[in-house]
Amino acid sequence: MIGRRGVSLLIVIALLGLLSVTAGMAALSARVSASSAFASLERLQLRAAIESAAARTAVQLSDEDERWIADGRLYEIEMDGVVLRVRAVADSGRFDLNQGNVEILAALLEELGVSTLRSRRIAGALSVWRDEDDDVGEQGAESSAYRAAGLAEPGNRPFLAVEEFRQVLDVDAAIFDAARPHLTLNGGEAVIGQLAPPPLIAATGISPADTRRILSARSGNRDIPEITDAAQFNPSQPHVYSLFIEADSQSGARLSREIVISLPGEEGLYDTLSRHSHVYGYADFLDPEPDA
């Protein structure tokens, strides 16, 4: 039998063990809290760096002497130990769903692998969607065709968001995902091919030889070549730009944002129109192949 001293000793040992476990759990909790706090602080640092990079980009896009070119080429800067990769894209280098020539949309869809017949049907349906009547166009379709396909009726109004393109007759998820990086609501009637992603350059009618010149200048960080009979870009005029920004901290943490701005701003250098954690279209401007 265990004597009183033995029992006391066991109780002391048990208490010491419990205290040890409690201390370990407290230390672990403190480490987890410290790690969580550090991660939160680091995320805030990356977000602040991205906002600073957006402001810096706005300045560079307005600099007449050393103006950054908004065709998706890569610019790198460093701020307080954070490395930032910035690509500015003028929305006039994308197809405007509300103003763009539907023939360019059809050509773009063909470049993306959609059949000629289906591309034309979609372009016609888009044209009919954004008009105000309920008449059937040459290639488009109105309410009855949408109902027959089990879709919501066409808008008969301007597009309110690029995502509405998915609701256009004959546009499936694969086509929408392929076309989405090339679409905007902030462009114009003409697409500036020199600033466009590769498939859209060809869709504007720019020759393969000139396309190679454009992509070579883009990848080599040289001035955009002049192209005869192509829509021209005037950076001194008001424009909307999509800024794709990646921030990397020294610890390896990364944060990506798409910030849409307008230049000039109504009361300052620029206005921020939207911020997104997604980066639609980012991959389409990464290291374009000159010979593509």
C-alpha atoms as a PDB file:
ATOM      1  CA  MET A   1       0.000   0.000   0.000  1.00  0.00           C
ATOM      2  CA  ILE A   2       1.093   3.558  -0.674  1.00  0.00           C
ATOM      3  CA  GLY A   3       1.580   5.669   2.398  1.00  0.00           C
ATOM      4  CA  ARG A   4       0.471   9.208   2.957  1.00  0.00           C
ATOM      5  CA  ARG A   5       3.823  10.496   1.784  1.00  0.00           C
ATOM      6  CA  GLY A   6       3.523   8.500  -1.431  1.00  0.00           C
ATOM      7  CA  VAL A   7       0.042   9.809  -2.098  1.00  0.00           C
ATOM      8  CA  SER A   8       1.194  13.352  -1.445  1.00  0.00           C
ATOM      9  CA  LEU A   9       4.102  12.848  -3.814  1.00  0.00           C
ATOM     10  CA  LEU A  10       1.788  11.574  -6.557  1.00  0.00           C
ATOM     11  CA  ILE A  11      -0.507  14.546  -6.069  1.00  0.00           C
ATOM     12  CA  VAL A  12       2.439  16.927  -6.320  1.00  0.00           C
ATOM     13  CA  ILE A  13       3.683  15.195  -9.479  1.00  0.00           C
ATOM     14  CA  ALA A  14       0.193  15.349 -11.013  1.00  0.00           C
ATOM     15  CA  LEU A  15      -0.111  19.026 -10.187  1.00  0.00           C
ATOM     16  CA  LEU A  16       3.292  19.742 -11.674  1.00  0.00           C
ATOM     17  CA  GLY A  17       2.297  17.875 -14.809  1.00  0.00           C
ATOM     18  CA  LEU A  18      -0.949  19.830 -15.063  1.00  0.00           C
ATOM     19  CA  LEU A  19       0.901  23.103 -14.568  1.00  0.00           C
ATOM     20  CA  SER A  20       3.398  22.076 -17.247  1.00  0.00           C
ATOM     21  CA  VAL A  21       0.604  21.286 -19.725  1.00  0.00           C
ATOM     22  CA  THR A  22      -1.177  24.551 -18.876  1.00  0.00           C
ATOM     23  CA  ALA A  23       2.032  26.525 -19.363  1.00  0.00           C
ATOM     24  CA  GLY A  24       2.667  24.766 -22.680  1.00  0.00           C
ATOM     25  CA  MET A  25      -0.836  25.528 -23.903  1.00  0.00           C
ATOM     26  CA  ALA A  26      -0.464  29.167 -22.834  1.00  0.00           C
ATOM     27  CA  ALA A  27       2.863  29.425 -24.661  1.00  0.00           C
ATOM     28  CA  LEU A  28       1.374  27.801 -27.763  1.00  0.00           C
ATOM     29  CA  SER A  29      -1.605  30.144 -27.638  1.00  0.00           C
ATOM     30  CA  ALA A  30       0.747  33.105 -27.295  1.00  0.00           C
ATOM     31  CA  ARG A  31       2.770  31.924 -30.297  1.00  0.00           C
ATOM     32  CA  VAL A  32      -0.381  31.418 -32.365  1.00  0.00           C
ATOM     33  CA  SER A  33      -1.665  34.848 -31.372  1.00  0.00           C
ATOM     34  CA  ALA A  34       1.680  36.434 -32.172  1.00  0.00           C
ATOM     35  CA  SER A  35       1.808  34.632 -35.520  1.00  0.00           C
ATOM     36  CA  SER A  36      -1.744  35.696 -36.352  1.00  0.00           C
ATOM     37  CA  ALA A  37      -0.992  39.278 -35.362  1.00  0.00           C
ATOM     38  CA  PHE A  38       2.167  39.257 -37.497  1.00  0.00           C
ATOM     39  CA  ALA A  39       0.249  37.856 -40.481  1.00  0.00           C
ATOM     40  CA  SER A  40      -2.420  40.535 -40.088  1.00  0.00           C
ATOM     41  CA  LEU A  41       0.201  43.243 -39.812  1.00  0.00           C
ATOM     42  CA  GLU A  42       2.032  41.886 -42.847  1.00  0.00           C
ATOM     43  CA  ARG A  43      -1.200  41.834 -44.851  1.00  0.00           C
ATOM     44  CA  LEU A  44      -1.864  45.441 -43.910  1.00  0.00           C
ATOM     45  CA  GLN A  45       1.669  46.322 -45.011  1.00  0.00           C
ATOM     46  CA  LEU A  46       1.114  44.649 -48.384  1.00  0.00           C
ATOM     47  CA  ARG A  47      -2.225  46.399 -48.868  1.00  0.00           C
ATOM     48  CA  ALA A  48      -0.668  49.760 -48.034  1.00  0.00           C
ATOM     49  CA  ALA A  49       2.176  49.050 -50.455  1.00  0.00           C
ATOM     50  CA  ILE A  50      -0.308  48.194 -53.215  1.00  0.00           C
ATOM     51  CA  GLU A  51      -2.202  51.444 -52.670  1.00  0.00           C
ATOM     52  CA  SER A  52       1.091  53.351 -52.780  1.00  0.00           C
ATOM     53  CA  ALA A  53       2.034  51.523 -55.974  1.00  0.00           C
ATOM     54  CA  ALA A  54      -1.309  52.516 -57.523  1.00  0.00           C
ATOM     55  CA  ALA A  55      -0.608  56.172 -56.703  1.00  0.00           C
ATOM     56  CA  ARG A  56       2.923  55.856 -58.100  1.00  0.00           C
ATOM     57  CA  THR A  57       1.540  54.277 -61.277  1.00  0.00           C
ATOM     58  CA  ALA A  58      -0.953  57.116 -61.711  1.00  0.00           C
ATOM     59  CA  VAL A  59       1.932  59.581 -61.510  1.00  0.00           C
ATOM     60  CA  GLN A  60       3.976  57.619 -64.056  1.00  0.00           C
ATOM     61  CA  LEU A  61       1.038  57.321 -66.457  1.00  0.00           C
ATOM     62  CA  SER A  62       0.790  61.122 -66.353  1.00  0.00           C
ATOM     63  CA  ASP A  63       4.521  61.821 -66.713  1.00  0.00           C
ATOM     64  CA  GLU A  64       5.154  63.322 -70.136  1.00  0.00           C
ATOM     65  CA  ASP A  65       8.914  62.693 -69.951  1.00  0.00           C
ATOM     66  CA  GLU A  66       9.005  59.136 -68.565  1.00  0.00           C
ATOM     67  CA  ARG A  67       5.454  57.960 -69.091  1.00  0.00           C
ATOM     68  CA  TRP A  68       4.665  54.342 -68.329  1.00  0.00           C
ATOM     69  CA  ILE A  69       2.966  52.563 -71.228  1.00  0.00           C
ATOM     70  CA  ALA A  70      -0.405  51.049 -70.364  1.00  0.00           C
ATOM     71  CA  ASP A  71      -0.219  47.914 -72.500  1.00  0.00           C
ATOM     72  CA  GLY A  72       0.270  45.356 -69.731  1.00  0.00           C
ATOM     73  CA  ARG A  73       4.069  45.427 -69.742  1.00  0.00           C
ATOM     74  CA  LEU A  74       5.789  44.776 -66.428  1.00  0.00           C
ATOM     75  CA  TYR A  75       7.117  47.504 -64.152  1.00  0.00           C
ATOM     76  CA  GLU A  76       8.814  46.632 -60.859  1.00  0.00           C
ATOM     77  CA  ILE A  77       9.258  48.882 -57.852  1.00  0.00           C
ATOM     78  CA  GLU A  78      10.252  48.374 -54.215  1.00  0.00           C
ATOM     79  CA  MET A  79       8.783  50.099 -51.177  1.00  0.00           C
ATOM     80  CA  ASP A  80       9.982  49.458 -47.612  1.00  0.00           C
ATOM     81  CA  GLY A  81      11.136  45.946 -48.403  1.00  0.00           C
ATOM     82  CA  VAL A  82       8.027  45.039 -50.423  1.00  0.00           C
ATOM     83  CA  VAL A  83       8.617  44.128 -54.065  1.00  0.00           C
ATOM     84  CA  LEU A  84       5.765  45.197 -56.337  1.00  0.00           C
ATOM     85  CA  ARG A  85       5.070  44.089 -59.892  1.00  0.00           C
ATOM     86  CA  VAL A  86       2.748  46.465 -61.709  1.00  0.00           C
ATOM     87  CA  ARG A  87       1.003  46.131 -65.052  1.00  0.00           C
ATOM     88  CA  ALA A  88      -1.208  48.994 -66.212  1.00  0.00           C
ATOM     89  CA  VAL A  89      -3.764  48.333 -68.930  1.00  0.00           C
ATOM     90  CA  ALA A  90      -5.706  51.109 -70.627  1.00  0.00           C
ATOM     91  CA  ASP A  91      -9.309  49.999 -70.956  1.00  0.00           C
ATOM     92  CA  SER A  92      -9.359  51.539 -74.440  1.00  0.00           C
ATOM     93  CA  GLY A  93      -7.257  48.493 -75.374  1.00  0.00           C
ATOM     94  CA  ARG A  94     -10.212  46.232 -74.579  1.00  0.00           C
ATOM     95  CA  PHE A  95     -13.560  45.641 -76.264  1.00  0.00           C
ATOM     96  CA  ASP A  96     -16.294  47.878 -74.856  1.00  0.00           C
ATOM     97  CA  LEU A  97     -19.531  45.892 -74.552  1.00  0.00           C
ATOM     98  CA  ASN A  98     -21.663  49.017 -74.863  1.00  0.00           C
ATOM     99  CA  GLN A  99     -19.841  50.920 -77.604  1.00  0.00           C
ATOM    100  CA  GLY A 100     -17.581  48.493 -79.438  1.00  0.00           C
ATOM    101  CA  ASN A 101     -18.036  47.367 -83.039  1.00  0.00           C
ATOM    102  CA  VAL A 102     -19.566  43.880 -82.842  1.00  0.00           C
ATOM    103  CA  GLU A 103     -17.482  42.766 -85.824  1.00  0.00           C
ATOM    104  CA  ILE A 104     -14.404  43.113 -83.622  1.00  0.00           C
ATOM    105  CA  LEU A 105     -16.111  40.989 -80.947  1.00  0.00           C
ATOM    106  CA  ALA A 106     -16.834  38.296 -83.527  1.00  0.00           C
ATOM    107  CA  ALA A 107     -13.213  38.384 -84.685  1.00  0.00           C
ATOM    108  CA  LEU A 108     -12.002  38.198 -81.074  1.00  0.00           C
ATOM    109  CA  LEU A 109     -14.158  35.150 -80.348  1.00  0.00           C
ATOM    110  CA  GLU A 110     -12.761  33.445 -83.449  1.00  0.00           C
ATOM    111  CA  GLU A 111      -9.227  34.205 -82.214  1.00  0.00           C
ATOM    112  CA  LEU A 112     -10.243  32.527 -78.935  1.00  0.00           C
ATOM    113  CA  GLY A 113     -11.289  29.363 -80.737  1.00  0.00           C
ATOM    114  CA  VAL A 114     -15.041  29.883 -81.162  1.00  0.00           C
ATOM    115  CA  SER A 115     -16.466  28.827 -84.531  1.00  0.00           C
ATOM    116  CA  THR A 116     -17.165  31.533 -87.087  1.00  0.00           C
ATOM    117  CA  LEU A 117     -20.915  30.879 -87.091  1.00  0.00           C
ATOM    118  CA  ARG A 118     -21.216  30.925 -83.307  1.00  0.00           C
ATOM    119  CA  SER A 119     -19.010  34.022 -83.032  1.00  0.00           C
ATOM    120  CA  ARG A 120     -21.296  35.893 -85.394  1.00  0.00           C
ATOM    121  CA  ARG A 121     -24.406  34.712 -83.539  1.00  0.00           C
ATOM    122  CA  ILE A 122     -22.980  35.960 -80.243  1.00  0.00           C
ATOM    123  CA  ALA A 123     -21.944  39.289 -81.748  1.00  0.00           C
ATOM    124  CA  GLY A 124     -25.447  39.729 -83.175  1.00  0.00           C
ATOM    125  CA  ALA A 125     -27.042  38.768 -79.875  1.00  0.00           C
ATOM    126  CA  LEU A 126     -24.862  41.317 -78.069  1.00  0.00           C
ATOM    127  CA  SER A 127     -25.928  44.016 -80.521  1.00  0.00           C
ATOM    128  CA  VAL A 128     -29.580  43.195 -79.921  1.00  0.00           C
ATOM    129  CA  TRP A 129     -29.074  43.001 -76.141  1.00  0.00           C
ATOM    130  CA  ARG A 130     -27.821  46.564 -75.883  1.00  0.00           C
ATOM    131  CA  ASP A 131     -30.464  48.168 -78.117  1.00  0.00           C
ATOM    132  CA  GLU A 132     -33.732  49.422 -76.644  1.00  0.00           C
ATOM    133  CA  ASP A 133     -36.280  47.558 -78.791  1.00  0.00           C
ATOM    134  CA  ASP A 134     -37.382  43.945 -78.950  1.00  0.00           C
ATOM    135  CA  ASP A 135     -36.748  43.452 -82.656  1.00  0.00           C
ATOM    136  CA  VAL A 136     -34.766  40.506 -83.923  1.00  0.00           C
ATOM    137  CA  GLY A 137     -31.555  41.524 -85.659  1.00  0.00           C
ATOM    138  CA  GLU A 138     -29.813  39.784 -88.535  1.00  0.00           C
ATOM    139  CA  GLN A 139     -27.776  37.545 -86.230  1.00  0.00           C
ATOM    140  CA  GLY A 140     -29.310  38.420 -82.873  1.00  0.00           C
ATOM    141  CA  ALA A 141     -32.296  37.163 -80.941  1.00  0.00           C
ATOM    142  CA  GLU A 142     -34.846  38.688 -78.645  1.00  0.00           C
ATOM    143  CA  SER A 143     -37.118  37.581 -75.806  1.00  0.00           C
ATOM    144  CA  SER A 144     -38.656  34.522 -77.452  1.00  0.00           C
ATOM    145  CA  ALA A 145     -35.269  33.004 -78.288  1.00  0.00           C
ATOM    146  CA  TYR A 146     -34.032  33.599 -74.741  1.00  0.00           C
ATOM    147  CA  ARG A 147     -37.130  31.986 -73.281  1.00  0.00           C
ATOM    148  CA  ALA A 148     -36.728  29.019 -75.618  1.00  0.00           C
ATOM    149  CA  ALA A 149     -33.157  28.605 -74.350  1.00  0.00           C
ATOM    150  CA  GLY A 150     -34.278  28.841 -70.719  1.00  0.00           C
ATOM    151  CA  LEU A 151     -32.482  32.146 -70.188  1.00  0.00           C
ATOM    152  CA  ALA A 152     -33.525  35.446 -68.672  1.00  0.00           C
ATOM    153  CA  GLU A 153     -34.742  37.964 -71.245  1.00  0.00           C
ATOM    154  CA  PRO A 154     -32.152  40.287 -72.865  1.00  0.00           C
ATOM    155  CA  GLY A 155     -31.492  43.618 -71.222  1.00  0.00           C
ATOM    156  CA  ASN A 156     -32.509  45.951 -74.082  1.00  0.00           C
ATOM    157  CA  ARG A 157     -30.236  48.447 -72.349  1.00  0.00           C
ATOM    158  CA  PRO A 158     -26.515  49.074 -71.891  1.00  0.00           C
ATOM    159  CA  PHE A 159     -24.540  46.469 -69.983  1.00  0.00           C
ATOM    160  CA  LEU A 160     -24.210  47.311 -66.295  1.00  0.00           C
ATOM    161  CA  ALA A 161     -21.339  44.897 -65.629  1.00  0.00           C
ATOM    162  CA  VAL A 162     -19.007  42.798 -67.756  1.00  0.00           C
ATOM    163  CA  GLU A 163     -20.426  39.715 -66.013  1.00  0.00           C
ATOM    164  CA  GLU A 164     -23.705  40.272 -67.868  1.00  0.00           C
ATOM    165  CA  PHE A 165     -21.987  39.098 -71.058  1.00  0.00           C
ATOM    166  CA  ARG A 166     -22.431  35.590 -69.641  1.00  0.00           C
ATOM    167  CA  GLN A 167     -26.213  36.059 -70.032  1.00  0.00           C
ATOM    168  CA  VAL A 168     -26.011  36.832 -73.749  1.00  0.00           C
ATOM    169  CA  LEU A 169     -27.552  34.120 -75.919  1.00  0.00           C
ATOM    170  CA  ASP A 170     -25.070  31.365 -76.898  1.00  0.00           C
ATOM    171  CA  VAL A 171     -22.365  32.466 -74.430  1.00  0.00           C
ATOM    172  CA  ASP A 172     -21.422  29.524 -72.205  1.00  0.00           C
ATOM    173  CA  ALA A 173     -19.054  29.477 -69.224  1.00  0.00           C
ATOM    174  CA  ALA A 174     -16.009  28.518 -71.319  1.00  0.00           C
ATOM    175  CA  ILE A 175     -16.563  31.335 -73.806  1.00  0.00           C
ATOM    176  CA  PHE A 176     -17.172  33.853 -71.039  1.00  0.00           C
ATOM    177  CA  ASP A 177     -14.004  32.848 -69.163  1.00  0.00           C
ATOM    178  CA  ALA A 178     -11.944  33.141 -72.358  1.00  0.00           C
ATOM    179  CA  ALA A 179     -13.434  36.491 -73.373  1.00  0.00           C
ATOM    180  CA  ARG A 180     -13.653  38.121 -69.921  1.00  0.00           C
ATOM    181  CA  PRO A 181     -10.070  39.525 -69.805  1.00  0.00           C
ATOM    182  CA  HIS A 182     -10.663  41.343 -73.103  1.00  0.00           C
ATOM    183  CA  LEU A 183     -13.926  43.054 -72.156  1.00  0.00           C
ATOM    184  CA  THR A 184     -14.698  46.369 -70.468  1.00  0.00           C
ATOM    185  CA  LEU A 185     -17.377  48.986 -69.993  1.00  0.00           C
ATOM    186  CA  ASN A 186     -14.827  51.820 -69.968  1.00  0.00           C
ATOM    187  CA  GLY A 187     -13.333  51.714 -73.446  1.00  0.00           C
ATOM    188  CA  GLY A 188     -14.795  53.286 -76.554  1.00  0.00           C
ATOM    189  CA  GLU A 189     -16.029  52.577 -80.061  1.00  0.00           C
ATOM    190  CA  ALA A 190     -12.554  51.670 -81.298  1.00  0.00           C
ATOM    191  CA  VAL A 191     -10.111  49.246 -79.685  1.00  0.00           C
ATOM    192  CA  ILE A 192      -6.543  50.561 -79.460  1.00  0.00           C
ATOM    193  CA  GLY A 193      -4.810  47.488 -80.825  1.00  0.00           C
ATOM    194  CA  GLN A 194      -1.337  48.612 -79.735  1.00  0.00           C
ATOM    195  CA  LEU A 195      -2.485  48.356 -76.096  1.00  0.00           C
ATOM    196  CA  ALA A 196      -4.604  45.216 -76.414  1.00  0.00           C
ATOM    197  CA  PRO A 197      -3.855  41.650 -75.309  1.00  0.00           C
ATOM    198  CA  PRO A 198      -2.559  39.468 -78.171  1.00  0.00           C
ATOM    199  CA  PRO A 199      -5.855  37.895 -79.386  1.00  0.00           C
ATOM    200  CA  LEU A 200      -7.535  41.283 -79.520  1.00  0.00           C
ATOM    201  CA  ILE A 201      -4.654  42.864 -81.453  1.00  0.00           C
ATOM    202  CA  ALA A 202      -5.341  40.503 -84.342  1.00  0.00           C
ATOM    203  CA  ALA A 203      -9.097  41.041 -84.017  1.00  0.00           C
ATOM    204  CA  THR A 204      -8.671  44.765 -84.687  1.00  0.00           C
ATOM    205  CA  GLY A 205      -7.250  43.985 -88.124  1.00  0.00           C
ATOM    206  CA  ILE A 206      -3.594  44.714 -87.376  1.00  0.00           C
ATOM    207  CA  SER A 207      -1.377  42.545 -89.571  1.00  0.00           C
ATOM    208  CA  PRO A 208       0.608  39.593 -88.163  1.00  0.00           C
ATOM    209  CA  ALA A 209       3.872  41.428 -88.913  1.00  0.00           C
ATOM    210  CA  ASP A 210       2.757  44.529 -87.025  1.00  0.00           C
ATOM    211  CA  THR A 211       1.405  42.342 -84.205  1.00  0.00           C
ATOM    212  CA  ARG A 212       4.874  40.855 -83.797  1.00  0.00           C
ATOM    213  CA  ARG A 213       6.367  44.368 -83.730  1.00  0.00           C
ATOM    214  CA  ILE A 214       3.935  45.421 -81.006  1.00  0.00           C
ATOM    215  CA  LEU A 215       4.570  42.358 -78.833  1.00  0.00           C
ATOM    216  CA  SER A 216       8.326  42.609 -79.326  1.00  0.00           C
ATOM    217  CA  ALA A 217       8.280  46.251 -78.172  1.00  0.00           C
ATOM    218  CA  ARG A 218       6.092  45.281 -75.225  1.00  0.00           C
ATOM    219  CA  SER A 219       8.314  42.450 -74.026  1.00  0.00           C
ATOM    220  CA  GLY A 220      11.465  44.510 -74.647  1.00  0.00           C
ATOM    221  CA  ASN A 221      10.092  47.565 -72.821  1.00  0.00           C
ATOM    222  CA  ARG A 222      10.443  49.768 -75.896  1.00  0.00           C
ATOM    223  CA  ASP A 223       8.162  52.456 -77.279  1.00  0.00           C
ATOM    224  CA  ILE A 224       5.034  51.287 -79.075  1.00  0.00           C
ATOM    225  CA  PRO A 225       5.604  51.227 -82.857  1.00  0.00           C
ATOM    226  CA  GLU A 226       3.388  53.397 -85.027  1.00  0.00           C
ATOM    227  CA  ILE A 227       0.866  51.373 -87.000  1.00  0.00           C
ATOM    228  CA  THR A 228      -0.742  52.828 -90.127  1.00  0.00           C
ATOM    229  CA  ASP A 229      -4.562  52.889 -90.219  1.00  0.00           C
ATOM    230  CA  ALA A 230      -4.860  51.735 -86.597  1.00  0.00           C
ATOM    231  CA  ALA A 231      -6.741  53.581 -83.855  1.00  0.00           C
ATOM    232  CA  GLN A 232      -4.331  55.804 -81.942  1.00  0.00           C
ATOM    233  CA  PHE A 233      -4.006  56.318 -78.200  1.00  0.00           C
ATOM    234  CA  ASN A 234      -3.670  59.811 -76.750  1.00  0.00           C
ATOM    235  CA  PRO A 235      -2.475  59.468 -73.129  1.00  0.00           C
ATOM    236  CA  SER A 236      -3.121  63.142 -72.428  1.00  0.00           C
ATOM    237  CA  GLN A 237      -6.879  62.544 -72.773  1.00  0.00           C
ATOM    238  CA  PRO A 238      -9.048  61.137 -69.925  1.00  0.00           C
ATOM    239  CA  HIS A 239      -8.867  57.343 -69.754  1.00  0.00           C
ATOM    240  CA  VAL A 240      -9.711  54.460 -67.460  1.00  0.00           C
ATOM    241  CA  TYR A 241      -6.883  52.113 -66.492  1.00  0.00           C
ATOM    242  CA  SER A 242      -6.878  48.704 -64.843  1.00  0.00           C
ATOM    243  CA  LEU A 243      -3.838  48.258 -62.609  1.00  0.00           C
ATOM    244  CA  PHE A 244      -2.785  44.697 -61.871  1.00  0.00           C
ATOM    245  CA  ILE A 245      -0.491  44.748 -58.847  1.00  0.00           C
ATOM    246  CA  GLU A 246       1.307  41.910 -57.024  1.00  0.00           C
ATOM    247  CA  ALA A 247       3.118  42.592 -53.744  1.00  0.00           C
ATOM    248  CA  ASP A 248       5.693  40.235 -52.185  1.00  0.00           C
ATOM    249  CA  SER A 249       7.025  40.668 -48.659  1.00  0.00           C
ATOM    250  CA  GLN A 250      10.471  39.574 -47.495  1.00  0.00           C
ATOM    251  CA  SER A 251       8.889  36.588 -45.714  1.00  0.00           C
ATOM    252  CA  GLY A 252       7.384  35.334 -48.975  1.00  0.00           C
ATOM    253  CA  ALA A 253       3.797  36.483 -48.384  1.00  0.00           C
ATOM    254  CA  ARG A 254       1.990  37.676 -51.510  1.00  0.00           C
ATOM    255  CA  LEU A 255      -1.075  39.801 -52.172  1.00  0.00           C
ATOM    256  CA  SER A 256      -2.658  40.619 -55.545  1.00  0.00           C
ATOM    257  CA  ARG A 257      -5.143  43.335 -56.427  1.00  0.00           C
ATOM    258  CA  GLU A 258      -6.799  44.843 -59.485  1.00  0.00           C
ATOM    259  CA  ILE A 259      -7.420  48.559 -59.005  1.00  0.00           C
ATOM    260  CA  VAL A 260      -9.372  50.456 -61.647  1.00  0.00           C
ATOM    261  CA  ILE A 261      -8.630  54.168 -61.839  1.00  0.00           C
ATOM    262  CA  SER A 262      -9.554  57.106 -64.052  1.00  0.00           C
ATOM    263  CA  LEU A 263      -7.085  59.766 -65.107  1.00  0.00           C
ATOM    264  CA  PRO A 264      -7.306  62.623 -64.493  1.00  0.00           C
ATOM    265  CA  GLY A 265      -9.396  62.628 -61.327  1.00  0.00           C
ATOM    266  CA  GLU A 266     -12.228  65.044 -60.692  1.00  0.00           C
ATOM    267  CA  GLU A 267     -10.537  66.566 -57.652  1.00  0.00           C
ATOM    268  CA  GLY A 268      -7.042  65.135 -57.756  1.00  0.00           C
ATOM    269  CA  LEU A 269      -4.522  63.207 -59.810  1.00  0.00           C
ATOM    270  CA  TYR A 270      -6.810  60.186 -60.230  1.00  0.00           C
ATOM    271  CA  ASP A 271     -10.059  58.632 -59.034  1.00  0.00           C
ATOM    272  CA  THR A 272     -10.319  55.036 -57.840  1.00  0.00           C
ATOM    273  CA  LEU A 273     -13.328  53.390 -59.485  1.00  0.00           C
ATOM    274  CA  SER A 274     -13.058  49.909 -57.982  1.00  0.00           C
ATOM    275  CA  ARG A 275     -10.825  47.405 -56.211  1.00  0.00           C
ATOM    276  CA  HIS A 276     -10.868  43.642 -56.713  1.00  0.00           C
ATOM    277  CA  SER A 277      -9.021  40.779 -55.082  1.00  0.00           C
ATOM    278  CA  HIS A 278      -9.359  38.842 -58.342  1.00  0.00           C
ATOM    279  CA  VAL A 279      -7.111  39.750 -61.243  1.00  0.00           C
ATOM    280  CA  TYR A 280      -9.109  39.001 -64.369  1.00  0.00           C
ATOM    281  CA  GLY A 281      -6.910  39.104 -67.414  1.00  0.00           C
ATOM    282  CA  TYR A 282      -3.642  39.257 -65.519  1.00  0.00           C
ATOM    283  CA  ALA A 283      -2.200  36.148 -67.141  1.00  0.00           C
ATOM    284  CA  ASP A 284      -2.957  37.492 -70.618  1.00  0.00           C
ATOM    285  CA  PHE A 285      -0.347  40.209 -70.173  1.00  0.00           C
ATOM    286  CA  LEU A 286       2.388  38.086 -68.612  1.00  0.00           C
ATOM    287  CA  ASP A 287       5.472  37.878 -70.784  1.00  0.00           C
ATOM    288  CA  PRO A 288       3.704  37.959 -74.181  1.00  0.00           C
ATOM    289  CA  GLU A 289       5.431  35.983 -76.871  1.00  0.00           C
ATOM    290  CA  PRO A 290       6.788  38.288 -79.625  1.00  0.00           C
ATOM    291  CA  ASP A 291       6.267  35.566 -82.225  1.00  0.00           C
ATOM    292  CA  ALA A 292       2.731  34.699 -81.116  1.00  0.00           C
END
